[in-house]
All heavy atoms as atom14 arrays in JSON, in Angstrom:
{
  "sequence": "RAAAFPVVKDLVVDRSSFDRIQHAGGFISVNTSGNTIDANTIPVNKQ",
  "atom14_mask": [
    [1, 1, 1, 1, 1, 1, 1, 1, 1, 1, 1, 0, 0, 0],
    [1, 1, 1, 1, 1, 0, 0, 0, 0, 0, 0, 0, 0, 0],
    [1, 1, 1, 1, 1, 0, 0, 0, 0, 0, 0, 0, 0, 0],
    [1, 1, 1, 1, 1, 0, 0, 0, 0, 0, 0, 0, 0, 0],
    [1, 1, 1, 1, 1, 1, 1, 1, 1, 1, 1, 0, 0, 0],
    [1, 1, 1, 1, 1, 1, 1, 0, 0, 0, 0, 0, 0, 0],
    [1, 1, 1, 1, 1, 1, 1, 0, 0, 0, 0, 0, 0, 0],
    [1, 1, 1, 1, 1, 1, 1, 0, 0, 0, 0, 0, 0, 0],
    [1, 1, 1, 1, 1, 1, 1, 1, 1, 0, 0, 0, 0, 0],
    [1, 1, 1, 1, 1, 1, 1, 1, 0, 0, 0, 0, 0, 0],
    [1, 1, 1, 1, 1, 1, 1, 1, 0, 0, 0, 0, 0, 0],
    [1, 1, 1, 1, 1, 1, 1, 0, 0, 0, 0, 0, 0, 0],
    [1, 1, 1, 1, 1, 1, 1, 0, 0, 0, 0, 0, 0, 0],
    [1, 1, 1, 1, 1, 1, 1, 1, 0, 0, 0, 0, 0, 0],
    [1, 1, 1, 1, 1, 1, 1, 1, 1, 1, 1, 0, 0, 0],
    [1, 1, 1, 1, 1, 1, 0, 0, 0, 0, 0, 0, 0, 0],
    [1, 1, 1, 1, 1, 1, 0, 0, 0, 0, 0, 0, 0, 0],
    [1, 1, 1, 1, 1, 1, 1, 1, 1, 1, 1, 0, 0, 0],
    [1, 1, 1, 1, 1, 1, 1, 1, 0, 0, 0, 0, 0, 0],
    [1, 1, 1, 1, 1, 1, 1, 1, 1, 1, 1, 0, 0, 0],
    [1, 1, 1, 1, 1, 1, 1, 1, 0, 0, 0, 0, 0, 0],
    [1, 1, 1, 1, 1, 1, 1, 1, 1, 0, 0, 0, 0, 0],
    [1, 1, 1, 1, 1, 1, 1, 1, 1, 1, 0, 0, 0, 0],
    [1, 1, 1, 1, 1, 0, 0, 0, 0, 0, 0, 0, 0, 0],
    [1, 1, 1, 1, 0, 0, 0, 0, 0, 0, 0, 0, 0, 0],
    [1, 1, 1, 1, 0, 0, 0, 0, 0, 0, 0, 0, 0, 0],
    [1, 1, 1, 1, 1, 1, 1, 1, 1, 1, 1, 0, 0, 0],
    [1, 1, 1, 1, 1, 1, 1, 1, 0, 0, 0, 0, 0, 0],
    [1, 1, 1, 1, 1, 1, 0, 0, 0, 0, 0, 0, 0, 0],
    [1, 1, 1, 1, 1, 1, 1, 0, 0, 0, 0, 0, 0, 0],
    [1, 1, 1, 1, 1, 1, 1, 1, 0, 0, 0, 0, 0, 0],
    [1, 1, 1, 1, 1, 1, 1, 0, 0, 0, 0, 0, 0, 0],
    [1, 1, 1, 1, 1, 1, 0, 0, 0, 0, 0, 0, 0, 0],
    [1, 1, 1, 1, 0, 0, 0, 0, 0, 0, 0, 0, 0, 0],
    [1, 1, 1, 1, 1, 1, 1, 1, 0, 0, 0, 0, 0, 0],
    [1, 1, 1, 1, 1, 1, 1, 0, 0, 0, 0, 0, 0, 0],
    [1, 1, 1, 1, 1, 1, 1, 1, 0, 0, 0, 0, 0, 0],
    [1, 1, 1, 1, 1, 1, 1, 1, 0, 0, 0, 0, 0, 0],
    [1, 1, 1, 1, 1, 0, 0, 0, 0, 0, 0, 0, 0, 0],
    [1, 1, 1, 1, 1, 1, 1, 1, 0, 0, 0, 0, 0, 0],
    [1, 1, 1, 1, 1, 1, 1, 0, 0, 0, 0, 0, 0, 0],
    [1, 1, 1, 1, 1, 1, 1, 1, 0, 0, 0, 0, 0, 0],
    [1, 1, 1, 1, 1, 1, 1, 0, 0, 0, 0, 0, 0, 0],
    [1, 1, 1, 1, 1, 1, 1, 0, 0, 0, 0, 0, 0, 0],
    [1, 1, 1, 1, 1, 1, 1, 1, 0, 0, 0, 0, 0, 0],
    [1, 1, 1, 1, 1, 1, 1, 1, 1, 0, 0, 0, 0, 0],
    [1, 1, 1, 1, 1, 1, 1, 1, 1, 0, 0, 0, 0, 0]
  ],
  "atom14_positions": [
    [[-28.28, 39.45, -86.58], [-29.66, 39.16, -86.16], [-29.62, 38.68, -84.74], [-29.23, 37.49, -84.57], [-30.29, 38.28, -87.15], [-30.27, 38.68, -88.52], [-31.18, 39.79, -88.87], [-31.2, 40.04, -90.36], [-32.03, 41.01, -90.79], [-32.73, 41.79, -90.04], [-32.18, 41.1, -92.17], [0.0, 0.0, 0.0], [0.0, 0.0, 0.0], [0.0, 0.0, 0.0]],
    [[-30.26, 39.44, -83.83], [-30.36, 38.98, -82.43], [-31.28, 40.02, -81.83], [-31.17, 41.16, -81.95], [-29.01, 38.78, -81.72], [0.0, 0.0, 0.0], [0.0, 0.0, 0.0], [0.0, 0.0, 0.0], [0.0, 0.0, 0.0], [0.0, 0.0, 0.0], [0.0, 0.0, 0.0], [0.0, 0.0, 0.0], [0.0, 0.0, 0.0], [0.0, 0.0, 0.0]],
    [[-32.08, 39.54, -80.91], [-33.07, 40.49, -80.2], [-32.41, 41.39, -79.36], [-32.75, 42.57, -79.06], [-34.09, 39.61, -79.33], [0.0, 0.0, 0.0], [0.0, 0.0, 0.0], [0.0, 0.0, 0.0], [0.0, 0.0, 0.0], [0.0, 0.0, 0.0], [0.0, 0.0, 0.0], [0.0, 0.0, 0.0], [0.0, 0.0, 0.0], [0.0, 0.0, 0.0]],
    [[-31.15, 41.01, -78.83], [-30.33, 41.77, -77.88], [-29.5, 42.81, -78.68], [-28.79, 43.65, -78.08], [-29.45, 41.06, -76.99], [0.0, 0.0, 0.0], [0.0, 0.0, 0.0], [0.0, 0.0, 0.0], [0.0, 0.0, 0.0], [0.0, 0.0, 0.0], [0.0, 0.0, 0.0], [0.0, 0.0, 0.0], [0.0, 0.0, 0.0], [0.0, 0.0, 0.0]],
    [[-29.48, 42.75, -80.04], [-28.77, 43.63, -80.95], [-29.82, 44.26, -81.91], [-29.74, 44.03, -83.16], [-27.66, 42.79, -81.83], [-26.44, 42.27, -81.18], [-25.72, 41.37, -81.85], [-26.16, 42.74, -79.8], [-24.6, 40.91, -81.16], [-25.06, 42.29, -79.17], [-24.26, 41.3, -79.83], [0.0, 0.0, 0.0], [0.0, 0.0, 0.0], [0.0, 0.0, 0.0]],
    [[-30.58, 45.1, -81.48], [-31.6, 45.82, -82.22], [-30.97, 46.66, -83.35], [-29.91, 47.27, -83.19], [-32.36, 46.7, -81.3], [-31.46, 46.95, -80.16], [-30.58, 45.73, -79.97], [0.0, 0.0, 0.0], [0.0, 0.0, 0.0], [0.0, 0.0, 0.0], [0.0, 0.0, 0.0], [0.0, 0.0, 0.0], [0.0, 0.0, 0.0], [0.0, 0.0, 0.0]],
    [[-31.58, 46.68, -84.5], [-31.1, 47.36, -85.65], [-31.33, 48.85, -85.34], [-32.45, 49.2, -85.07], [-31.8, 46.92, -87.07], [-31.33, 47.84, -88.18], [-31.45, 45.45, -87.28], [0.0, 0.0, 0.0], [0.0, 0.0, 0.0], [0.0, 0.0, 0.0], [0.0, 0.0, 0.0], [0.0, 0.0, 0.0], [0.0, 0.0, 0.0], [0.0, 0.0, 0.0]],
    [[-30.35, 49.69, -85.72], [-30.36, 51.15, -85.53], [-30.76, 51.65, -86.93], [-31.69, 52.48, -86.98], [-29.06, 51.61, -85.08], [-29.24, 53.2, -85.03], [-28.74, 51.18, -83.75], [0.0, 0.0, 0.0], [0.0, 0.0, 0.0], [0.0, 0.0, 0.0], [0.0, 0.0, 0.0], [0.0, 0.0, 0.0], [0.0, 0.0, 0.0], [0.0, 0.0, 0.0]],
    [[-30.11, 51.2, -87.97], [-30.23, 51.71, -89.27], [-29.57, 50.81, -90.3], [-28.32, 50.56, -90.01], [-29.89, 53.16, -89.56], [-30.28, 53.64, -90.98], [-29.84, 55.15, -91.19], [-30.17, 55.59, -92.53], [-29.89, 57.03, -92.74], [0.0, 0.0, 0.0], [0.0, 0.0, 0.0], [0.0, 0.0, 0.0], [0.0, 0.0, 0.0], [0.0, 0.0, 0.0]],
    [[-30.16, 50.34, -91.37], [-29.56, 49.55, -92.38], [-28.73, 48.42, -91.68], [-29.31, 47.55, -91.08], [-28.63, 50.37, -93.2], [-29.39, 51.43, -94.15], [-30.58, 51.13, -94.34], [-28.86, 52.41, -94.54], [0.0, 0.0, 0.0], [0.0, 0.0, 0.0], [0.0, 0.0, 0.0], [0.0, 0.0, 0.0], [0.0, 0.0, 0.0], [0.0, 0.0, 0.0]],
    [[-27.45, 48.43, -91.75], [-26.54, 47.37, -91.27], [-25.93, 47.58, -89.91], [-25.09, 46.85, -89.41], [-25.34, 47.2, -92.29], [-25.88, 46.96, -93.73], [-24.56, 46.81, -94.67], [-26.59, 45.63, -93.81], [0.0, 0.0, 0.0], [0.0, 0.0, 0.0], [0.0, 0.0, 0.0], [0.0, 0.0, 0.0], [0.0, 0.0, 0.0], [0.0, 0.0, 0.0]],
    [[-26.43, 48.77, -89.23], [-25.82, 49.21, -88.04], [-26.8, 48.59, -86.92], [-27.97, 48.72, -86.87], [-25.79, 50.62, -87.8], [-25.34, 51.04, -86.45], [-24.9, 51.28, -88.91], [0.0, 0.0, 0.0], [0.0, 0.0, 0.0], [0.0, 0.0, 0.0], [0.0, 0.0, 0.0], [0.0, 0.0, 0.0], [0.0, 0.0, 0.0], [0.0, 0.0, 0.0]],
    [[-26.27, 47.9, -85.93], [-26.99, 47.32, -84.8], [-26.38, 47.96, -83.47], [-25.35, 48.39, -83.27], [-26.98, 45.84, -84.66], [-27.47, 45.25, -85.83], [-25.53, 45.31, -84.54], [0.0, 0.0, 0.0], [0.0, 0.0, 0.0], [0.0, 0.0, 0.0], [0.0, 0.0, 0.0], [0.0, 0.0, 0.0], [0.0, 0.0, 0.0], [0.0, 0.0, 0.0]],
    [[-27.3, 47.97, -82.4], [-26.92, 48.48, -81.16], [-26.42, 47.35, -80.3], [-27.26, 46.46, -79.91], [-28.22, 49.13, -80.51], [-27.85, 49.64, -79.08], [-26.68, 49.45, -78.63], [-28.87, 50.23, -78.46], [0.0, 0.0, 0.0], [0.0, 0.0, 0.0], [0.0, 0.0, 0.0], [0.0, 0.0, 0.0], [0.0, 0.0, 0.0], [0.0, 0.0, 0.0]],
    [[-25.1, 47.33, -80.07], [-24.47, 46.32, -79.23], [-24.15, 46.75, -77.76], [-23.2, 46.22, -77.24], [-23.25, 45.77, -79.97], [-23.62, 44.87, -81.23], [-22.2, 44.47, -81.92], [-21.65, 45.64, -82.43], [-20.34, 45.68, -82.93], [-19.72, 44.65, -82.88], [-19.83, 46.77, -83.42], [0.0, 0.0, 0.0], [0.0, 0.0, 0.0], [0.0, 0.0, 0.0]],
    [[-24.72, 47.69, -77.39], [-24.58, 48.25, -75.97], [-24.9, 47.25, -74.99], [-24.43, 47.34, -73.77], [-25.44, 49.46, -75.77], [-26.77, 49.36, -75.89], [0.0, 0.0, 0.0], [0.0, 0.0, 0.0], [0.0, 0.0, 0.0], [0.0, 0.0, 0.0], [0.0, 0.0, 0.0], [0.0, 0.0, 0.0], [0.0, 0.0, 0.0], [0.0, 0.0, 0.0]],
    [[-25.65, 46.1, -75.34], [-25.89, 45.04, -74.28], [-24.6, 44.44, -73.81], [-24.52, 44.06, -72.68], [-26.8, 43.9, -74.97], [-26.25, 43.55, -76.28], [0.0, 0.0, 0.0], [0.0, 0.0, 0.0], [0.0, 0.0, 0.0], [0.0, 0.0, 0.0], [0.0, 0.0, 0.0], [0.0, 0.0, 0.0], [0.0, 0.0, 0.0], [0.0, 0.0, 0.0]],
    [[-23.56, 44.37, -74.79], [-22.31, 43.85, -74.51], [-21.64, 44.8, -73.35], [-20.94, 44.37, -72.39], [-21.5, 43.69, -75.69], [-21.45, 42.48, -76.43], [-22.42, 41.51, -76.01], [-20.59, 42.03, -77.41], [-22.5, 40.22, -76.7], [-20.63, 40.77, -78.05], [-21.6, 39.89, -77.56], [0.0, 0.0, 0.0], [0.0, 0.0, 0.0], [0.0, 0.0, 0.0]],
    [[-21.72, 46.05, -73.55], [-21.23, 47.0, -72.69], [-21.82, 46.9, -71.31], [-21.02, 46.91, -70.27], [-21.45, 48.37, -73.08], [-20.73, 48.69, -74.5], [-19.64, 48.16, -74.67], [-21.25, 49.59, -75.21], [0.0, 0.0, 0.0], [0.0, 0.0, 0.0], [0.0, 0.0, 0.0], [0.0, 0.0, 0.0], [0.0, 0.0, 0.0], [0.0, 0.0, 0.0]],
    [[-23.08, 46.7, -71.23], [-23.71, 46.62, -69.94], [-23.35, 45.18, -69.23], [-23.14, 45.2, -67.96], [-25.2, 46.53, -70.09], [-25.71, 47.96, -70.45], [-27.26, 47.95, -70.5], [-27.97, 47.16, -71.51], [-28.19, 47.67, -72.72], [-27.77, 48.93, -73.05], [-28.71, 46.95, -73.77], [0.0, 0.0, 0.0], [0.0, 0.0, 0.0], [0.0, 0.0, 0.0]],
    [[-23.0, 44.13, -69.98], [-22.46, 42.83, -69.42], [-21.08, 43.16, -68.76], [-20.79, 42.81, -67.62], [-22.49, 41.8, -70.48], [-23.94, 41.39, -70.91], [-21.65, 40.57, -69.89], [-23.86, 40.39, -71.99], [0.0, 0.0, 0.0], [0.0, 0.0, 0.0], [0.0, 0.0, 0.0], [0.0, 0.0, 0.0], [0.0, 0.0, 0.0], [0.0, 0.0, 0.0]],
    [[-20.3, 43.92, -69.51], [-18.96, 44.28, -69.1], [-19.07, 45.1, -67.85], [-18.23, 44.92, -66.94], [-18.2, 44.89, -70.27], [-16.72, 45.22, -69.9], [-15.95, 43.85, -70.08], [-16.37, 42.81, -70.3], [-14.54, 44.09, -70.02], [0.0, 0.0, 0.0], [0.0, 0.0, 0.0], [0.0, 0.0, 0.0], [0.0, 0.0, 0.0], [0.0, 0.0, 0.0]],
    [[-19.97, 46.0, -67.86], [-20.08, 46.97, -66.62], [-20.59, 46.21, -65.46], [-20.37, 46.64, -64.33], [-21.17, 48.09, -66.98], [-20.65, 48.9, -68.02], [-21.43, 49.88, -68.67], [-19.41, 49.2, -68.53], [-20.86, 50.6, -69.62], [-19.53, 50.14, -69.43], [0.0, 0.0, 0.0], [0.0, 0.0, 0.0], [0.0, 0.0, 0.0], [0.0, 0.0, 0.0]],
    [[-21.22, 45.04, -65.64], [-21.72, 44.33, -64.56], [-20.55, 43.59, -63.72], [-20.84, 43.15, -62.56], [-22.66, 43.24, -65.01], [0.0, 0.0, 0.0], [0.0, 0.0, 0.0], [0.0, 0.0, 0.0], [0.0, 0.0, 0.0], [0.0, 0.0, 0.0], [0.0, 0.0, 0.0], [0.0, 0.0, 0.0], [0.0, 0.0, 0.0], [0.0, 0.0, 0.0]],
    [[-19.48, 43.37, -64.3], [-18.45, 42.78, -63.56], [-17.06, 42.53, -64.19], [-16.16, 42.11, -63.61], [0.0, 0.0, 0.0], [0.0, 0.0, 0.0], [0.0, 0.0, 0.0], [0.0, 0.0, 0.0], [0.0, 0.0, 0.0], [0.0, 0.0, 0.0], [0.0, 0.0, 0.0], [0.0, 0.0, 0.0], [0.0, 0.0, 0.0], [0.0, 0.0, 0.0]],
    [[-16.98, 43.0, -65.41], [-15.77, 42.83, -66.18], [-14.71, 43.85, -66.0], [-14.2, 44.59, -66.88], [0.0, 0.0, 0.0], [0.0, 0.0, 0.0], [0.0, 0.0, 0.0], [0.0, 0.0, 0.0], [0.0, 0.0, 0.0], [0.0, 0.0, 0.0], [0.0, 0.0, 0.0], [0.0, 0.0, 0.0], [0.0, 0.0, 0.0], [0.0, 0.0, 0.0]],
    [[-14.43, 43.95, -64.69], [-13.32, 44.91, -64.31], [-12.76, 44.5, -62.89], [-13.29, 43.58, -62.26], [-14.0, 46.33, -64.12], [-15.14, 46.39, -63.28], [-14.98, 46.49, -61.9], [-16.47, 46.15, -63.79], [-16.07, 46.59, -61.02], [-17.57, 46.14, -62.87], [-17.46, 46.29, -61.55], [0.0, 0.0, 0.0], [0.0, 0.0, 0.0], [0.0, 0.0, 0.0]],
    [[-11.68, 45.17, -62.55], [-11.18, 45.13, -61.18], [-11.23, 46.31, -60.46], [-10.68, 47.3, -60.96], [-9.67, 44.56, -61.28], [-9.6, 43.15, -61.82], [-8.97, 44.52, -59.83], [-8.21, 42.78, -62.19], [0.0, 0.0, 0.0], [0.0, 0.0, 0.0], [0.0, 0.0, 0.0], [0.0, 0.0, 0.0], [0.0, 0.0, 0.0], [0.0, 0.0, 0.0]],
    [[-11.9, 46.49, -59.35], [-12.1, 47.74, -58.66], [-11.22, 47.94, -57.34], [-11.51, 48.91, -56.69], [-13.54, 47.85, -58.24], [-13.89, 46.84, -57.35], [0.0, 0.0, 0.0], [0.0, 0.0, 0.0], [0.0, 0.0, 0.0], [0.0, 0.0, 0.0], [0.0, 0.0, 0.0], [0.0, 0.0, 0.0], [0.0, 0.0, 0.0], [0.0, 0.0, 0.0]],
    [[-10.14, 47.13, -57.21], [-9.36, 47.31, -56.17], [-8.58, 48.69, -56.25], [-7.93, 48.9, -57.34], [-8.29, 46.17, -56.2], [-7.21, 46.42, -54.94], [-9.09, 44.69, -55.92], [0.0, 0.0, 0.0], [0.0, 0.0, 0.0], [0.0, 0.0, 0.0], [0.0, 0.0, 0.0], [0.0, 0.0, 0.0], [0.0, 0.0, 0.0], [0.0, 0.0, 0.0]],
    [[-8.55, 49.42, -55.27], [-7.94, 50.77, -55.25], [-6.56, 50.64, -55.1], [-6.04, 50.21, -54.01], [-8.55, 51.59, -54.17], [-8.04, 53.07, -54.18], [-7.25, 53.3, -55.18], [-8.29, 53.86, -53.27], [0.0, 0.0, 0.0], [0.0, 0.0, 0.0], [0.0, 0.0, 0.0], [0.0, 0.0, 0.0], [0.0, 0.0, 0.0], [0.0, 0.0, 0.0]],
    [[-5.74, 50.94, -56.1], [-4.31, 50.7, -55.94], [-3.56, 52.1, -55.94], [-2.4, 52.27, -55.98], [-3.67, 49.98, -57.21], [-4.08, 50.67, -58.37], [-4.2, 48.58, -57.25], [0.0, 0.0, 0.0], [0.0, 0.0, 0.0], [0.0, 0.0, 0.0], [0.0, 0.0, 0.0], [0.0, 0.0, 0.0], [0.0, 0.0, 0.0], [0.0, 0.0, 0.0]],
    [[-4.4, 53.17, -55.81], [-3.83, 54.43, -55.89], [-2.86, 54.83, -54.55], [-3.25, 54.34, -53.48], [-4.99, 55.49, -55.71], [-4.4, 56.88, -55.63], [0.0, 0.0, 0.0], [0.0, 0.0, 0.0], [0.0, 0.0, 0.0], [0.0, 0.0, 0.0], [0.0, 0.0, 0.0], [0.0, 0.0, 0.0], [0.0, 0.0, 0.0], [0.0, 0.0, 0.0]],
    [[-1.58, 55.1, -54.77], [-0.65, 55.26, -53.78], [-0.05, 54.0, -53.31], [0.83, 54.12, -52.46], [0.0, 0.0, 0.0], [0.0, 0.0, 0.0], [0.0, 0.0, 0.0], [0.0, 0.0, 0.0], [0.0, 0.0, 0.0], [0.0, 0.0, 0.0], [0.0, 0.0, 0.0], [0.0, 0.0, 0.0], [0.0, 0.0, 0.0], [0.0, 0.0, 0.0]],
    [[-0.53, 52.96, -53.87], [-0.01, 51.67, -53.38], [0.18, 50.8, -54.59], [-0.06, 49.52, -54.54], [-0.82, 50.95, -52.37], [-0.15, 49.82, -51.73], [1.06, 49.72, -51.67], [-1.04, 48.75, -51.37], [0.0, 0.0, 0.0], [0.0, 0.0, 0.0], [0.0, 0.0, 0.0], [0.0, 0.0, 0.0], [0.0, 0.0, 0.0], [0.0, 0.0, 0.0]],
    [[0.68, 51.35, -55.72], [0.76, 50.58, -56.96], [1.81, 49.49, -56.84], [2.98, 49.68, -56.43], [1.14, 51.54, -58.07], [0.08, 52.62, -58.09], [1.18, 50.74, -59.45], [0.0, 0.0, 0.0], [0.0, 0.0, 0.0], [0.0, 0.0, 0.0], [0.0, 0.0, 0.0], [0.0, 0.0, 0.0], [0.0, 0.0, 0.0], [0.0, 0.0, 0.0]],
    [[1.5, 48.29, -57.32], [2.43, 47.17, -57.26], [2.7, 46.71, -58.73], [1.84, 46.58, -59.55], [1.73, 45.99, -56.52], [1.35, 46.44, -54.99], [2.67, 44.75, -56.59], [0.77, 45.37, -54.22], [0.0, 0.0, 0.0], [0.0, 0.0, 0.0], [0.0, 0.0, 0.0], [0.0, 0.0, 0.0], [0.0, 0.0, 0.0], [0.0, 0.0, 0.0]],
    [[3.92, 46.59, -59.0], [4.28, 46.11, -60.36], [3.71, 44.69, -60.61], [3.94, 43.73, -59.79], [5.88, 46.11, -60.48], [6.29, 45.74, -61.88], [5.44, 45.33, -62.72], [7.48, 45.9, -62.19], [0.0, 0.0, 0.0], [0.0, 0.0, 0.0], [0.0, 0.0, 0.0], [0.0, 0.0, 0.0], [0.0, 0.0, 0.0], [0.0, 0.0, 0.0]],
    [[2.93, 44.62, -61.65], [2.28, 43.27, -61.95], [3.25, 42.21, -62.11], [2.94, 41.03, -61.86], [1.42, 43.37, -63.22], [0.0, 0.0, 0.0], [0.0, 0.0, 0.0], [0.0, 0.0, 0.0], [0.0, 0.0, 0.0], [0.0, 0.0, 0.0], [0.0, 0.0, 0.0], [0.0, 0.0, 0.0], [0.0, 0.0, 0.0], [0.0, 0.0, 0.0]],
    [[4.44, 42.52, -62.5], [5.52, 41.53, -62.83], [6.04, 40.98, -61.58], [6.75, 39.91, -61.6], [6.68, 42.07, -63.6], [6.34, 42.39, -65.03], [5.36, 41.75, -65.66], [6.9, 43.47, -65.63], [0.0, 0.0, 0.0], [0.0, 0.0, 0.0], [0.0, 0.0, 0.0], [0.0, 0.0, 0.0], [0.0, 0.0, 0.0], [0.0, 0.0, 0.0]],
    [[5.72, 41.41, -60.35], [6.17, 40.92, -59.07], [5.2, 39.79, -58.57], [5.54, 39.15, -57.67], [6.19, 42.02, -57.96], [4.86, 42.49, -57.74], [7.2, 43.02, -58.48], [0.0, 0.0, 0.0], [0.0, 0.0, 0.0], [0.0, 0.0, 0.0], [0.0, 0.0, 0.0], [0.0, 0.0, 0.0], [0.0, 0.0, 0.0], [0.0, 0.0, 0.0]],
    [[4.09, 39.51, -59.3], [3.12, 38.44, -58.98], [3.41, 37.36, -59.86], [3.11, 37.4, -60.99], [1.66, 39.0, -59.03], [1.58, 40.21, -58.25], [0.74, 37.82, -58.56], [0.24, 40.85, -58.35], [0.0, 0.0, 0.0], [0.0, 0.0, 0.0], [0.0, 0.0, 0.0], [0.0, 0.0, 0.0], [0.0, 0.0, 0.0], [0.0, 0.0, 0.0]],
    [[3.9, 36.22, -59.32], [4.18, 35.06, -60.27], [2.79, 34.37, -60.8], [1.95, 34.31, -60.11], [4.73, 34.01, -59.3], [5.27, 34.89, -58.04], [4.35, 35.91, -57.98], [0.0, 0.0, 0.0], [0.0, 0.0, 0.0], [0.0, 0.0, 0.0], [0.0, 0.0, 0.0], [0.0, 0.0, 0.0], [0.0, 0.0, 0.0], [0.0, 0.0, 0.0]],
    [[2.73, 34.16, -62.1], [1.72, 33.63, -62.84], [2.19, 32.51, -63.63], [3.11, 32.63, -64.37], [1.02, 34.69, -63.6], [-0.22, 34.01, -64.34], [0.56, 35.83, -62.9], [0.0, 0.0, 0.0], [0.0, 0.0, 0.0], [0.0, 0.0, 0.0], [0.0, 0.0, 0.0], [0.0, 0.0, 0.0], [0.0, 0.0, 0.0], [0.0, 0.0, 0.0]],
    [[1.57, 31.49, -63.51], [1.88, 30.24, -64.24], [1.76, 30.56, -65.82], [0.82, 31.24, -66.21], [0.86, 29.1, -63.96], [1.17, 27.76, -64.76], [0.68, 27.73, -65.92], [1.78, 26.79, -64.26], [0.0, 0.0, 0.0], [0.0, 0.0, 0.0], [0.0, 0.0, 0.0], [0.0, 0.0, 0.0], [0.0, 0.0, 0.0], [0.0, 0.0, 0.0]],
    [[2.63, 30.21, -66.56], [2.7, 30.56, -68.07], [1.61, 30.03, -68.76], [1.03, 30.76, -69.66], [3.97, 30.07, -68.63], [4.13, 30.6, -70.16], [5.38, 30.11, -70.82], [5.55, 30.87, -72.28], [4.37, 30.69, -72.99], [0.0, 0.0, 0.0], [0.0, 0.0, 0.0], [0.0, 0.0, 0.0], [0.0, 0.0, 0.0], [0.0, 0.0, 0.0]],
    [[1.09, 28.81, -68.36], [-0.11, 28.4, -69.11], [-1.26, 29.14, -68.82], [-2.09, 29.36, -69.67], [-0.25, 26.86, -68.73], [-1.46, 26.18, -69.36], [-1.5, 24.7, -69.04], [-0.69, 24.2, -68.25], [-2.45, 23.87, -69.57], [0.0, 0.0, 0.0], [0.0, 0.0, 0.0], [0.0, 0.0, 0.0], [0.0, 0.0, 0.0], [0.0, 0.0, 0.0]]
  ]
}
């Protein structure tokens, strides 16, 4: 039950609002084509 999750039918709700939030910024758009770098070469603190 949520206004942003409208019921489609019975127990099915439309959660495309989550998709739109993800589309708003949940990605990395840096172009690595032709210049791919192995992620393991970038040190990241284990924590």
